[in-house]
Amino acid sequence: MDQIIKYWDVIKNELEKEAKYVYKNQPGLSNELLISENGKHLLLITSGWHNRRYNYILVYHFEMKEGRIWLLANNSDEDVIAKYSKFGIPTKIFYDPYLEEQIKAAA
């Protein structure tokens, strides 16, 4: 269990960096990292005004559950699992329930 907490901290630290990102071409938007009270959910959101419209986008949602890291939302262009494997997190530690459903549907 100690190892998953180390992996979780890596993800949290990277999301904290992403939360500080400033959109130069969209100055009304900002990122925010939300952490649940029990510390088992990490959500990165982008929100704010752009082109007279209010935007609220859930970029990532991670949950630490059942000894794995569940990727509940990825609304980015990144392969998040590949990204974090570069930080030494094994890909098998991640669980993507949506990918699992796609595999079942294709079978």
C-alpha atoms as a PDB file:
ATOM      1  CA  MET A   1       0.000   0.000   0.000  1.00  0.00           C
ATOM      2  CA  ASP A   2       2.931   2.329   0.649  1.00  0.00           C
ATOM      3  CA  GLN A   3       3.945   2.094  -3.006  1.00  0.00           C
ATOM      4  CA  ILE A   4       0.547   3.222  -4.305  1.00  0.00           C
ATOM      5  CA  ILE A   5       0.699   6.242  -1.999  1.00  0.00           C
ATOM      6  CA  LYS A   6       4.060   7.163  -3.525  1.00  0.00           C
ATOM      7  CA  TYR A   7       2.533   6.886  -6.999  1.00  0.00           C
ATOM      8  CA  TRP A   8      -0.472   8.917  -5.851  1.00  0.00           C
ATOM      9  CA  ASP A   9       1.831  11.662  -4.583  1.00  0.00           C
ATOM     10  CA  VAL A  10       3.605  11.790  -7.953  1.00  0.00           C
ATOM     11  CA  ILE A  11       0.266  12.293  -9.725  1.00  0.00           C
ATOM     12  CA  LYS A  12      -0.854  14.881  -7.181  1.00  0.00           C
ATOM     13  CA  ASN A  13       2.397  16.849  -7.536  1.00  0.00           C
ATOM     14  CA  GLU A  14       2.125  16.868 -11.330  1.00  0.00           C
ATOM     15  CA  LEU A  15      -1.510  17.975 -11.187  1.00  0.00           C
ATOM     16  CA  GLU A  16      -0.518  20.784  -8.814  1.00  0.00           C
ATOM     17  CA  LYS A  17       1.937  21.974 -11.473  1.00  0.00           C
ATOM     18  CA  GLU A  18      -0.737  21.761 -14.174  1.00  0.00           C
ATOM     19  CA  ALA A  19      -3.132  23.732 -11.969  1.00  0.00           C
ATOM     20  CA  LYS A  20      -0.688  26.650 -12.082  1.00  0.00           C
ATOM     21  CA  TYR A  21      -0.652  26.746 -15.886  1.00  0.00           C
ATOM     22  CA  VAL A  22      -1.702  30.134 -17.300  1.00  0.00           C
ATOM     23  CA  TYR A  23      -3.524  30.208 -20.630  1.00  0.00           C
ATOM     24  CA  LYS A  24      -1.893  33.061 -22.554  1.00  0.00           C
ATOM     25  CA  ASN A  25      -4.407  32.972 -25.400  1.00  0.00           C
ATOM     26  CA  GLN A  26      -7.379  32.500 -23.046  1.00  0.00           C
ATOM     27  CA  PRO A  27      -6.684  34.722 -20.016  1.00  0.00           C
ATOM     28  CA  GLY A  28     -10.174  34.235 -18.557  1.00  0.00           C
ATOM     29  CA  LEU A  29      -9.566  30.529 -17.974  1.00  0.00           C
ATOM     30  CA  SER A  30      -7.763  29.008 -15.018  1.00  0.00           C
ATOM     31  CA  ASN A  31      -7.078  25.553 -13.640  1.00  0.00           C
ATOM     32  CA  GLU A  32      -7.841  24.276 -10.182  1.00  0.00           C
ATOM     33  CA  LEU A  33      -6.936  21.029  -8.461  1.00  0.00           C
ATOM     34  CA  LEU A  34      -9.684  19.652  -6.239  1.00  0.00           C
ATOM     35  CA  ILE A  35      -8.793  17.038  -3.631  1.00  0.00           C
ATOM     36  CA  SER A  36     -11.525  15.173  -1.764  1.00  0.00           C
ATOM     37  CA  GLU A  37     -11.629  15.315   2.032  1.00  0.00           C
ATOM     38  CA  ASN A  38     -10.436  11.719   2.305  1.00  0.00           C
ATOM     39  CA  GLY A  39      -7.676  12.428  -0.222  1.00  0.00           C
ATOM     40  CA  LYS A  40      -8.730   9.579  -2.526  1.00  0.00           C
ATOM     41  CA  HIS A  41     -10.019  11.732  -5.401  1.00  0.00           C
ATOM     42  CA  LEU A  42      -8.035  14.199  -7.515  1.00  0.00           C
ATOM     43  CA  LEU A  43      -9.872  16.365 -10.040  1.00  0.00           C
ATOM     44  CA  LEU A  44      -8.289  18.944 -12.306  1.00  0.00           C
ATOM     45  CA  ILE A  45     -10.788  21.417 -13.695  1.00  0.00           C
ATOM     46  CA  THR A  46     -10.499  24.330 -16.085  1.00  0.00           C
ATOM     47  CA  SER A  47     -13.047  27.087 -15.665  1.00  0.00           C
ATOM     48  CA  GLY A  48     -13.685  30.719 -16.504  1.00  0.00           C
ATOM     49  CA  TRP A  49     -14.873  33.042 -19.224  1.00  0.00           C
ATOM     50  CA  HIS A  50     -13.717  32.872 -22.831  1.00  0.00           C
ATOM     51  CA  ASN A  51     -15.426  34.488 -25.830  1.00  0.00           C
ATOM     52  CA  ARG A  52     -18.365  35.599 -23.680  1.00  0.00           C
ATOM     53  CA  ARG A  53     -19.050  32.014 -22.606  1.00  0.00           C
ATOM     54  CA  TYR A  54     -18.431  30.427 -19.239  1.00  0.00           C
ATOM     55  CA  ASN A  55     -16.429  27.206 -19.508  1.00  0.00           C
ATOM     56  CA  TYR A  56     -16.258  24.425 -16.941  1.00  0.00           C
ATOM     57  CA  ILE A  57     -14.227  21.428 -18.012  1.00  0.00           C
ATOM     58  CA  LEU A  58     -13.319  18.382 -15.968  1.00  0.00           C
ATOM     59  CA  VAL A  59      -9.870  17.627 -17.353  1.00  0.00           C
ATOM     60  CA  TYR A  60      -8.880  14.671 -15.143  1.00  0.00           C
ATOM     61  CA  HIS A  61     -10.460  12.644 -12.380  1.00  0.00           C
ATOM     62  CA  PHE A  62      -8.356  10.063 -10.545  1.00  0.00           C
ATOM     63  CA  GLU A  63      -9.493   7.854  -7.679  1.00  0.00           C
ATOM     64  CA  MET A  64      -7.332   5.691  -5.422  1.00  0.00           C
ATOM     65  CA  LYS A  65      -9.415   2.558  -4.940  1.00  0.00           C
ATOM     66  CA  GLU A  66      -8.883  -1.169  -4.375  1.00  0.00           C
ATOM     67  CA  GLY A  67      -5.088  -0.849  -4.474  1.00  0.00           C
ATOM     68  CA  ARG A  68      -5.110   0.796  -7.906  1.00  0.00           C
ATOM     69  CA  ILE A  69      -5.433   4.241  -9.440  1.00  0.00           C
ATOM     70  CA  TRP A  70      -8.668   4.567 -11.367  1.00  0.00           C
ATOM     71  CA  LEU A  71      -8.745   6.989 -14.275  1.00  0.00           C
ATOM     72  CA  LEU A  72     -12.376   8.094 -14.164  1.00  0.00           C
ATOM     73  CA  ALA A  73     -12.047  11.010 -16.593  1.00  0.00           C
ATOM     74  CA  ASN A  74      -9.482  12.121 -19.125  1.00  0.00           C
ATOM     75  CA  ASN A  75     -10.732  14.990 -21.240  1.00  0.00           C
ATOM     76  CA  SER A  76      -7.286  15.907 -22.494  1.00  0.00           C
ATOM     77  CA  ASP A  77      -5.361  14.922 -25.587  1.00  0.00           C
ATOM     78  CA  GLU A  78      -2.766  13.127 -23.480  1.00  0.00           C
ATOM     79  CA  ASP A  79      -2.281   9.433 -22.930  1.00  0.00           C
ATOM     80  CA  VAL A  80      -2.201   9.873 -19.169  1.00  0.00           C
ATOM     81  CA  ILE A  81      -1.128   6.319 -18.384  1.00  0.00           C
ATOM     82  CA  ALA A  82       1.865   6.617 -20.735  1.00  0.00           C
ATOM     83  CA  LYS A  83       2.660  10.057 -19.297  1.00  0.00           C
ATOM     84  CA  TYR A  84       2.853   8.789 -15.727  1.00  0.00           C
ATOM     85  CA  SER A  85       4.725   5.625 -16.671  1.00  0.00           C
ATOM     86  CA  LYS A  86       7.616   7.983 -17.503  1.00  0.00           C
ATOM     87  CA  PHE A  87       7.634   8.866 -13.786  1.00  0.00           C
ATOM     88  CA  GLY A  88       8.124   5.203 -12.888  1.00  0.00           C
ATOM     89  CA  ILE A  89       4.479   4.353 -12.220  1.00  0.00           C
ATOM     90  CA  PRO A  90       3.736   0.902 -13.667  1.00  0.00           C
ATOM     91  CA  THR A  91       0.900   0.912 -16.194  1.00  0.00           C
ATOM     92  CA  LYS A  92      -0.737  -2.048 -14.417  1.00  0.00           C
ATOM     93  CA  ILE A  93      -1.398   0.159 -11.365  1.00  0.00           C
ATOM     94  CA  PHE A  94      -3.938   2.139 -13.424  1.00  0.00           C
ATOM     95  CA  TYR A  95      -7.492   1.039 -14.103  1.00  0.00           C
ATOM     96  CA  ASP A  96      -9.580   2.691 -16.807  1.00  0.00           C
ATOM     97  CA  PRO A  97     -13.198   1.490 -16.429  1.00  0.00           C
ATOM     98  CA  TYR A  98     -14.223   3.013 -19.761  1.00  0.00           C
ATOM     99  CA  LEU A  99     -11.510   1.159 -21.626  1.00  0.00           C
ATOM    100  CA  GLU A 100     -12.604  -2.027 -19.889  1.00  0.00           C
ATOM    101  CA  GLU A 101     -16.185  -1.490 -21.145  1.00  0.00           C
ATOM    102  CA  GLN A 102     -14.945  -0.898 -24.700  1.00  0.00           C
ATOM    103  CA  ILE A 103     -12.981  -4.149 -24.602  1.00  0.00           C
ATOM    104  CA  LYS A 104     -16.040  -6.070 -23.345  1.00  0.00           C
ATOM    105  CA  ALA A 105     -18.274  -4.508 -26.017  1.00  0.00           C
ATOM    106  CA  ALA A 106     -15.844  -5.429 -28.789  1.00  0.00           C
ATOM    107  CA  ALA A 107     -15.643  -9.077 -27.684  1.00  0.00           C
END
